[in-house]
Amino acid sequence: MAAWELDILIPTARFVFSVEGGAVDVLPEHRSPEAFVAYRRLRDRRPVVGMTTFPNTVLLRGPLTVVVDPGLPLQNDPVLRALEACGIPAAGVDLVVLTHAHLDHVGGCAALPAPVAVHARETAAPYWRLAEGVLASRPLERLDGTAGVIAPGLEWVLTPGHCEGHISLACETQHGVTVLCGDTIGPGRAEFDAMTAAGPGAGEMLASWRRIRDWAPDTIVAGHLPPFAP
């Protein structure tokens, strides 16, 4: 029997818009990563192009009730309503876990009174000031080192590459061994599938991908991709 039950409270989505001649156009495509590809193409054709991105917001129910990556500030009410649909009031959440402290993962914490777990390295990052404004009244649980246990059956490891304090989580769910890896993988998965990281931080990213694979996951839930089997 799985130690944890996983639900996607808010699935990942990308909303791409452009401005031209005083008019705003919204791209009908909202899936990720398809909308990201369309966004990159649109930037070559339009003078003003923007994108709002939701991460996968995950509910884990087991020894604790845990929300992972509540998302953007505008997701506060949707997250609360999604929890209520699962029979959980805001006060019923025991812990919020952030894979990292970028605002598109942190903003939704404002509606949840629970303590927030985040790696200590994130609290030293330049973007922490934005996160700190949202988390000012929340007790913080700073994770230190390179690995640990958040609750029985829920492990974390440090998986830098996207940012220094990025963590990934692993637990047994109804989908088998499940890894929640935030933005360690993305915006697409081709490089991860081929294990061919590129760019200045390629070595660090590749090491993080290997650590994810060490868990031998049956299911991976990345920040901005639909859940997939590796």
C-alpha atoms as a PDB file:
ATOM      1  CA  MET A   1       0.000   0.000   0.000  1.00  0.00           C
ATOM      2  CA  ALA A   2       1.309   3.468  -0.921  1.00  0.00           C
ATOM      3  CA  ALA A   3       2.526   5.570   1.988  1.00  0.00           C
ATOM      4  CA  TRP A   4       1.279   8.764   0.321  1.00  0.00           C
ATOM      5  CA  GLU A   5      -1.690   9.693  -1.838  1.00  0.00           C
ATOM      6  CA  LEU A   6      -0.907  12.255  -4.533  1.00  0.00           C
ATOM      7  CA  ASP A   7      -3.305  14.707  -6.154  1.00  0.00           C
ATOM      8  CA  ILE A   8      -2.505  17.508  -8.587  1.00  0.00           C
ATOM      9  CA  LEU A   9      -4.443  20.419  -7.117  1.00  0.00           C
ATOM     10  CA  ILE A  10      -3.677  22.831  -9.977  1.00  0.00           C
ATOM     11  CA  PRO A  11      -2.125  21.355 -13.136  1.00  0.00           C
ATOM     12  CA  THR A  12       0.635  23.248 -14.872  1.00  0.00           C
ATOM     13  CA  ALA A  13      -0.405  25.713 -17.569  1.00  0.00           C
ATOM     14  CA  ARG A  14       1.146  28.533 -19.609  1.00  0.00           C
ATOM     15  CA  PHE A  15      -0.788  31.586 -20.755  1.00  0.00           C
ATOM     16  CA  VAL A  16       0.948  33.486 -23.541  1.00  0.00           C
ATOM     17  CA  PHE A  17      -0.097  36.973 -24.633  1.00  0.00           C
ATOM     18  CA  SER A  18       1.159  39.583 -27.056  1.00  0.00           C
ATOM     19  CA  VAL A  19       0.467  43.278 -27.561  1.00  0.00           C
ATOM     20  CA  GLU A  20       0.386  44.936 -30.968  1.00  0.00           C
ATOM     21  CA  GLY A  21      -1.411  48.065 -32.179  1.00  0.00           C
ATOM     22  CA  GLY A  22      -2.902  48.649 -28.743  1.00  0.00           C
ATOM     23  CA  ALA A  23      -4.618  45.245 -28.718  1.00  0.00           C
ATOM     24  CA  VAL A  24      -3.905  42.226 -26.511  1.00  0.00           C
ATOM     25  CA  ASP A  25      -4.024  38.770 -28.069  1.00  0.00           C
ATOM     26  CA  VAL A  26      -4.025  35.632 -25.905  1.00  0.00           C
ATOM     27  CA  LEU A  27      -2.681  32.429 -27.409  1.00  0.00           C
ATOM     28  CA  PRO A  28      -5.279  29.637 -27.281  1.00  0.00           C
ATOM     29  CA  GLU A  29      -2.602  27.033 -26.537  1.00  0.00           C
ATOM     30  CA  HIS A  30      -2.114  26.729 -22.778  1.00  0.00           C
ATOM     31  CA  ARG A  31      -0.478  23.334 -22.356  1.00  0.00           C
ATOM     32  CA  SER A  32       3.096  22.999 -21.176  1.00  0.00           C
ATOM     33  CA  PRO A  33       5.548  22.592 -22.833  1.00  0.00           C
ATOM     34  CA  GLU A  34       3.645  23.221 -26.092  1.00  0.00           C
ATOM     35  CA  ALA A  35       2.805  26.801 -25.125  1.00  0.00           C
ATOM     36  CA  PHE A  36       6.449  27.478 -24.265  1.00  0.00           C
ATOM     37  CA  VAL A  37       7.482  26.504 -27.799  1.00  0.00           C
ATOM     38  CA  ALA A  38       4.775  28.785 -29.204  1.00  0.00           C
ATOM     39  CA  TYR A  39       5.957  31.587 -26.889  1.00  0.00           C
ATOM     40  CA  ARG A  40       9.515  31.368 -28.196  1.00  0.00           C
ATOM     41  CA  ARG A  41       8.291  31.517 -31.784  1.00  0.00           C
ATOM     42  CA  LEU A  42       5.945  34.413 -31.095  1.00  0.00           C
ATOM     43  CA  ARG A  43       8.786  36.493 -29.644  1.00  0.00           C
ATOM     44  CA  ASP A  44      10.338  36.621 -33.122  1.00  0.00           C
ATOM     45  CA  ARG A  45       7.132  38.002 -34.673  1.00  0.00           C
ATOM     46  CA  ARG A  46       5.618  40.395 -32.153  1.00  0.00           C
ATOM     47  CA  PRO A  47       7.222  43.387 -30.376  1.00  0.00           C
ATOM     48  CA  VAL A  48       5.647  42.733 -26.941  1.00  0.00           C
ATOM     49  CA  VAL A  49       5.191  39.143 -25.780  1.00  0.00           C
ATOM     50  CA  GLY A  50       4.647  37.809 -22.253  1.00  0.00           C
ATOM     51  CA  MET A  51       3.821  34.594 -20.455  1.00  0.00           C
ATOM     52  CA  THR A  52       2.267  33.625 -17.124  1.00  0.00           C
ATOM     53  CA  THR A  53       3.095  30.126 -15.967  1.00  0.00           C
ATOM     54  CA  PHE A  54       1.483  27.936 -13.306  1.00  0.00           C
ATOM     55  CA  PRO A  55       3.509  25.068 -11.857  1.00  0.00           C
ATOM     56  CA  ASN A  56       1.973  21.771 -10.823  1.00  0.00           C
ATOM     57  CA  THR A  57       0.651  22.326  -7.301  1.00  0.00           C
ATOM     58  CA  VAL A  58       0.700  18.956  -5.554  1.00  0.00           C
ATOM     59  CA  LEU A  59      -1.172  17.617  -2.546  1.00  0.00           C
ATOM     60  CA  LEU A  60       0.394  14.732  -0.633  1.00  0.00           C
ATOM     61  CA  ARG A  61      -1.651  12.960   2.016  1.00  0.00           C
ATOM     62  CA  GLY A  62       0.034  10.500   4.338  1.00  0.00           C
ATOM     63  CA  PRO A  63       1.659  10.927   7.753  1.00  0.00           C
ATOM     64  CA  LEU A  64       1.182  14.664   7.110  1.00  0.00           C
ATOM     65  CA  THR A  65      -0.971  16.712   4.750  1.00  0.00           C
ATOM     66  CA  VAL A  66       1.553  18.492   2.522  1.00  0.00           C
ATOM     67  CA  VAL A  67       1.174  20.998  -0.310  1.00  0.00           C
ATOM     68  CA  VAL A  68       4.141  21.276  -2.664  1.00  0.00           C
ATOM     69  CA  ASP A  69       4.697  24.485  -4.676  1.00  0.00           C
ATOM     70  CA  PRO A  70       1.446  26.471  -4.192  1.00  0.00           C
ATOM     71  CA  GLY A  71       2.205  28.570  -7.279  1.00  0.00           C
ATOM     72  CA  LEU A  72       1.684  32.195  -8.244  1.00  0.00           C
ATOM     73  CA  PRO A  73      -0.042  34.783  -6.026  1.00  0.00           C
ATOM     74  CA  LEU A  74      -3.130  34.708  -8.267  1.00  0.00           C
ATOM     75  CA  GLN A  75      -3.510  30.989  -7.476  1.00  0.00           C
ATOM     76  CA  ASN A  76      -4.362  31.609  -3.810  1.00  0.00           C
ATOM     77  CA  ASP A  77      -8.125  31.178  -4.169  1.00  0.00           C
ATOM     78  CA  PRO A  78      -7.936  28.310  -6.705  1.00  0.00           C
ATOM     79  CA  VAL A  79      -5.598  26.374  -4.392  1.00  0.00           C
ATOM     80  CA  LEU A  80      -7.984  26.864  -1.457  1.00  0.00           C
ATOM     81  CA  ARG A  81     -10.940  25.728  -3.569  1.00  0.00           C
ATOM     82  CA  ALA A  82      -9.006  22.711  -4.856  1.00  0.00           C
ATOM     83  CA  LEU A  83      -8.166  21.733  -1.281  1.00  0.00           C
ATOM     84  CA  GLU A  84     -11.809  22.131  -0.251  1.00  0.00           C
ATOM     85  CA  ALA A  85     -12.805  19.844  -3.132  1.00  0.00           C
ATOM     86  CA  CYS A  86     -10.520  17.246  -1.512  1.00  0.00           C
ATOM     87  CA  GLY A  87     -12.190  17.814   1.855  1.00  0.00           C
ATOM     88  CA  ILE A  88      -9.279  19.802   3.335  1.00  0.00           C
ATOM     89  CA  PRO A  89      -9.622  23.309   4.809  1.00  0.00           C
ATOM     90  CA  ALA A  90      -6.631  25.650   4.673  1.00  0.00           C
ATOM     91  CA  ALA A  91      -6.000  24.973   8.366  1.00  0.00           C
ATOM     92  CA  GLY A  92      -5.829  21.242   7.594  1.00  0.00           C
ATOM     93  CA  VAL A  93      -2.532  21.600   5.716  1.00  0.00           C
ATOM     94  CA  ASP A  94       0.343  20.600   8.005  1.00  0.00           C
ATOM     95  CA  LEU A  95       3.242  21.763   5.847  1.00  0.00           C
ATOM     96  CA  VAL A  96       4.034  23.552   2.601  1.00  0.00           C
ATOM     97  CA  VAL A  97       7.193  22.408   0.810  1.00  0.00           C
ATOM     98  CA  LEU A  98       8.890  24.567  -1.806  1.00  0.00           C
ATOM     99  CA  THR A  99      11.121  22.911  -4.366  1.00  0.00           C
ATOM    100  CA  HIS A 100      12.659  26.390  -4.677  1.00  0.00           C
ATOM    101  CA  ALA A 101      11.773  29.983  -3.842  1.00  0.00           C
ATOM    102  CA  HIS A 102      10.960  31.512  -7.235  1.00  0.00           C
ATOM    103  CA  LEU A 103       7.768  33.553  -6.989  1.00  0.00           C
ATOM    104  CA  ASP A 104       5.800  31.364  -9.403  1.00  0.00           C
ATOM    105  CA  HIS A 105       6.137  28.547  -6.833  1.00  0.00           C
ATOM    106  CA  VAL A 106       5.921  30.618  -3.630  1.00  0.00           C
ATOM    107  CA  GLY A 107       3.110  33.136  -4.207  1.00  0.00           C
ATOM    108  CA  GLY A 108       0.238  30.794  -3.378  1.00  0.00           C
ATOM    109  CA  CYS A 109       1.616  30.329   0.142  1.00  0.00           C
ATOM    110  CA  ALA A 110      -0.159  33.541   1.138  1.00  0.00           C
ATOM    111  CA  ALA A 111      -3.453  31.682   1.560  1.00  0.00           C
ATOM    112  CA  LEU A 112      -2.012  28.827   3.620  1.00  0.00           C
ATOM    113  CA  PRO A 113      -1.125  29.337   7.299  1.00  0.00           C
ATOM    114  CA  ALA A 114       1.067  26.218   7.518  1.00  0.00           C
ATOM    115  CA  PRO A 115       4.831  26.231   8.138  1.00  0.00           C
ATOM    116  CA  VAL A 116       6.933  26.357   4.971  1.00  0.00           C
ATOM    117  CA  ALA A 117       9.930  24.103   4.305  1.00  0.00           C
ATOM    118  CA  VAL A 118      12.598  25.468   1.949  1.00  0.00           C
ATOM    119  CA  HIS A 119      16.302  24.851   1.570  1.00  0.00           C
ATOM    120  CA  ALA A 120      18.489  27.301   3.467  1.00  0.00           C
ATOM    121  CA  ARG A 121      20.428  28.146   0.286  1.00  0.00           C
ATOM    122  CA  GLU A 122      17.283  29.699  -1.161  1.00  0.00           C
ATOM    123  CA  THR A 123      17.050  32.162   1.725  1.00  0.00           C
ATOM    124  CA  ALA A 124      20.410  33.619   0.644  1.00  0.00           C
ATOM    125  CA  ALA A 125      19.400  34.060  -3.022  1.00  0.00           C
ATOM    126  CA  PRO A 126      18.697  37.553  -4.467  1.00  0.00           C
ATOM    127  CA  TYR A 127      15.083  36.633  -5.257  1.00  0.00           C
ATOM    128  CA  TRP A 128      14.433  35.632  -1.629  1.00  0.00           C
ATOM    129  CA  ARG A 129      13.258  39.186  -0.857  1.00  0.00           C
ATOM    130  CA  LEU A 130      10.225  38.633  -3.067  1.00  0.00           C
ATOM    131  CA  ALA A 131       9.499  35.286  -1.425  1.00  0.00           C
ATOM    132  CA  GLU A 132      10.078  36.705   2.029  1.00  0.00           C
ATOM    133  CA  GLY A 133       7.319  39.254   1.492  1.00  0.00           C
ATOM    134  CA  VAL A 134       4.843  36.407   0.964  1.00  0.00           C
ATOM    135  CA  LEU A 135       6.239  34.236   3.752  1.00  0.00           C
ATOM    136  CA  ALA A 136       6.762  36.921   6.386  1.00  0.00           C
ATOM    137  CA  SER A 137       4.149  35.524   8.791  1.00  0.00           C
ATOM    138  CA  ARG A 138       4.856  31.837   8.130  1.00  0.00           C
ATOM    139  CA  PRO A 139       7.131  29.685  10.313  1.00  0.00           C
ATOM    140  CA  LEU A 140      10.074  28.573   8.173  1.00  0.00           C
ATOM    141  CA  GLU A 141      11.663  25.146   8.290  1.00  0.00           C
ATOM    142  CA  ARG A 142      15.084  25.609   6.705  1.00  0.00           C
ATOM    143  CA  LEU A 143      16.454  22.436   5.170  1.00  0.00           C
ATOM    144  CA  ASP A 144      20.230  22.069   5.419  1.00  0.00           C
ATOM    145  CA  GLY A 145      22.739  19.783   3.769  1.00  0.00           C
ATOM    146  CA  THR A 146      22.222  17.653   0.682  1.00  0.00           C
ATOM    147  CA  ALA A 147      19.505  15.196   1.738  1.00  0.00           C
ATOM    148  CA  GLY A 148      17.014  14.446   4.472  1.00  0.00           C
ATOM    149  CA  VAL A 149      13.543  13.268   5.458  1.00  0.00           C
ATOM    150  CA  ILE A 150      10.576  15.627   5.719  1.00  0.00           C
ATOM    151  CA  ALA A 151       8.156  13.020   7.091  1.00  0.00           C
ATOM    152  CA  PRO A 152       8.136   9.204   7.208  1.00  0.00           C
ATOM    153  CA  GLY A 153       8.461   7.996   3.639  1.00  0.00           C
ATOM    154  CA  LEU A 154       8.992  11.479   2.177  1.00  0.00           C
ATOM    155  CA  GLU A 155      12.636  12.128   1.301  1.00  0.00           C
ATOM    156  CA  TRP A 156      14.339  15.180  -0.178  1.00  0.00           C
ATOM    157  CA  VAL A 157      17.664  15.715  -1.893  1.00  0.00           C
ATOM    158  CA  LEU A 158      19.415  18.843  -3.096  1.00  0.00           C
ATOM    159  CA  THR A 159      19.171  19.003  -6.904  1.00  0.00           C
ATOM    160  CA  PRO A 160      20.768  22.270  -8.035  1.00  0.00           C
ATOM    161  CA  GLY A 161      20.965  23.418 -11.624  1.00  0.00           C
ATOM    162  CA  HIS A 162      17.877  25.556 -11.986  1.00  0.00           C
ATOM    163  CA  CYS A 163      18.968  27.313  -8.781  1.00  0.00           C
ATOM    164  CA  GLU A 164      21.359  26.585  -5.930  1.00  0.00           C
ATOM    165  CA  GLY A 165      18.828  25.632  -3.269  1.00  0.00           C
ATOM    166  CA  HIS A 166      16.541  23.546  -5.448  1.00  0.00           C
ATOM    167  CA  ILE A 167      15.333  20.279  -3.920  1.00  0.00           C
ATOM    168  CA  SER A 168      13.494  17.241  -5.241  1.00  0.00           C
ATOM    169  CA  LEU A 169      11.176  14.977  -3.235  1.00  0.00           C
ATOM    170  CA  ALA A 170      10.544  11.238  -3.460  1.00  0.00           C
ATOM    171  CA  CYS A 171       7.847   9.053  -1.943  1.00  0.00           C
ATOM    172  CA  GLU A 172       5.734   5.979  -2.663  1.00  0.00           C
ATOM    173  CA  THR A 173       2.316   6.981  -4.016  1.00  0.00           C
ATOM    174  CA  GLN A 174      -0.525   5.286  -5.874  1.00  0.00           C
ATOM    175  CA  HIS A 175       1.597   5.919  -8.988  1.00  0.00           C
ATOM    176  CA  GLY A 176       4.570   3.961  -7.646  1.00  0.00           C
ATOM    177  CA  VAL A 177       7.829   5.624  -6.674  1.00  0.00           C
ATOM    178  CA  THR A 178       7.114   9.271  -7.393  1.00  0.00           C
ATOM    179  CA  VAL A 179       9.622  12.114  -7.685  1.00  0.00           C
ATOM    180  CA  LEU A 180       8.568  15.753  -7.456  1.00  0.00           C
ATOM    181  CA  CYS A 181      11.443  17.661  -9.007  1.00  0.00           C
ATOM    182  CA  GLY A 182      10.179  21.214  -9.574  1.00  0.00           C
ATOM    183  CA  ASP A 183      12.107  23.021 -12.290  1.00  0.00           C
ATOM    184  CA  THR A 184      15.090  20.663 -12.290  1.00  0.00           C
ATOM    185  CA  ILE A 185      13.515  19.245 -15.458  1.00  0.00           C
ATOM    186  CA  GLY A 186      12.000  21.620 -18.000  1.00  0.00           C
ATOM    187  CA  PRO A 187      10.664  23.503 -19.834  1.00  0.00           C
ATOM    188  CA  GLY A 188      10.797  20.344 -21.990  1.00  0.00           C
ATOM    189  CA  ARG A 189      12.015  16.856 -21.179  1.00  0.00           C
ATOM    190  CA  ALA A 190      14.048  15.904 -24.267  1.00  0.00           C
ATOM    191  CA  GLU A 191      17.398  16.736 -22.642  1.00  0.00           C
ATOM    192  CA  PHE A 192      16.500  14.811 -19.497  1.00  0.00           C
ATOM    193  CA  ASP A 193      15.368  11.779 -21.515  1.00  0.00           C
ATOM    194  CA  ALA A 194      18.657  11.831 -23.441  1.00  0.00           C
ATOM    195  CA  MET A 195      20.712  12.826 -20.356  1.00  0.00           C
ATOM    196  CA  THR A 196      22.458  15.499 -22.420  1.00  0.00           C
ATOM    197  CA  ALA A 197      22.472  18.693 -20.380  1.00  0.00           C
ATOM    198  CA  ALA A 198      23.872  21.782 -22.109  1.00  0.00           C
ATOM    199  CA  GLY A 199      25.032  25.236 -21.078  1.00  0.00           C
ATOM    200  CA  PRO A 200      27.287  26.643 -18.343  1.00  0.00           C
ATOM    201  CA  GLY A 201      25.709  24.597 -15.541  1.00  0.00           C
ATOM    202  CA  ALA A 202      25.443  21.377 -17.534  1.00  0.00           C
ATOM    203  CA  GLY A 203      27.576  19.324 -15.157  1.00  0.00           C
ATOM    204  CA  GLU A 204      25.556  20.318 -12.108  1.00  0.00           C
ATOM    205  CA  MET A 205      22.262  19.714 -13.883  1.00  0.00           C
ATOM    206  CA  LEU A 206      23.368  16.321 -15.144  1.00  0.00           C
ATOM    207  CA  ALA A 207      24.352  15.313 -11.607  1.00  0.00           C
ATOM    208  CA  SER A 208      20.884  16.329 -10.401  1.00  0.00           C
ATOM    209  CA  TRP A 209      19.226  14.317 -13.153  1.00  0.00           C
ATOM    210  CA  ARG A 210      21.292  11.281 -12.173  1.00  0.00           C
ATOM    211  CA  ARG A 211      20.214  11.725  -8.568  1.00  0.00           C
ATOM    212  CA  ILE A 212      16.577  11.767  -9.680  1.00  0.00           C
ATOM    213  CA  ARG A 213      17.135   8.592 -11.693  1.00  0.00           C
ATOM    214  CA  ASP A 214      18.815   6.947  -8.676  1.00  0.00           C
ATOM    215  CA  TRP A 215      15.372   6.801  -7.088  1.00  0.00           C
ATOM    216  CA  ALA A 216      14.226   4.630 -10.045  1.00  0.00           C
ATOM    217  CA  PRO A 217      10.956   6.560 -10.247  1.00  0.00           C
ATOM    218  CA  ASP A 218       7.819   5.189 -11.812  1.00  0.00           C
ATOM    219  CA  THR A 219       6.398   8.719 -12.103  1.00  0.00           C
ATOM    220  CA  ILE A 220       8.029  12.138 -12.288  1.00  0.00           C
ATOM    221  CA  VAL A 221       6.117  15.333 -11.534  1.00  0.00           C
ATOM    222  CA  ALA A 222       8.167  18.269 -12.776  1.00  0.00           C
ATOM    223  CA  GLY A 223       7.179  21.871 -12.164  1.00  0.00           C
ATOM    224  CA  HIS A 224       5.956  22.736 -15.647  1.00  0.00           C
ATOM    225  CA  LEU A 225       5.339  19.414 -17.376  1.00  0.00           C
ATOM    226  CA  PRO A 226       2.493  16.912 -17.134  1.00  0.00           C
ATOM    227  CA  PRO A 227       3.466  13.929 -14.913  1.00  0.00           C
ATOM    228  CA  PHE A 228       5.377  11.358 -16.923  1.00  0.00           C
ATOM    229  CA  ALA A 229       7.017   7.941 -16.672  1.00  0.00           C
ATOM    230  CA  PRO A 230      10.759   8.185 -17.316  1.00  0.00           C
END
